[in-house]
């Protein structure tokens, strides 16, 4: 059994395909030393959808770039026996990713790879609320992006 990466591109004019997103997620999981079988869901969505999620689950108003929902160790919704363990779901606002790519002057593919990495790290317990935690997370993001750099435009 391998990775089970479900991808939904719920946005118009996506600059990347589902296969590319799947390869990036698999590269992130491998760079973290995780072993299959393991599943994850990636959703590229709109600003409106991410605002609704942000309000409903974090009580925050406004658009954010990425949200992650862990599914490991969830006692309320345990995973059925014999199924691939699901790490969780990562939602990315495609319009916000495009704005950030323009702001930082790099291709949207790099921004999306960063957001996939960031979301997966959140699923693995990384946090970026405190400066020391954020520094640790940014360092790991840089290491992983280097590992998946073959998937990124130059």
Foldseek 3Di string as FASTA:
>chain_A
DAEAEAEEEADPPDPDDPVLVVVLLSLLCVLVVHGDPEYEYEYAHAQVVQQVVCCVPVVDGGGDAKDWDADPPDPVDDDDPPDRHYLTYMYGHLVVLVVVCVVVVHDSVLSSSLSSNLRSVVSVPQDCPDPVSVVVSVVSSVSSCVSVVVSGDD
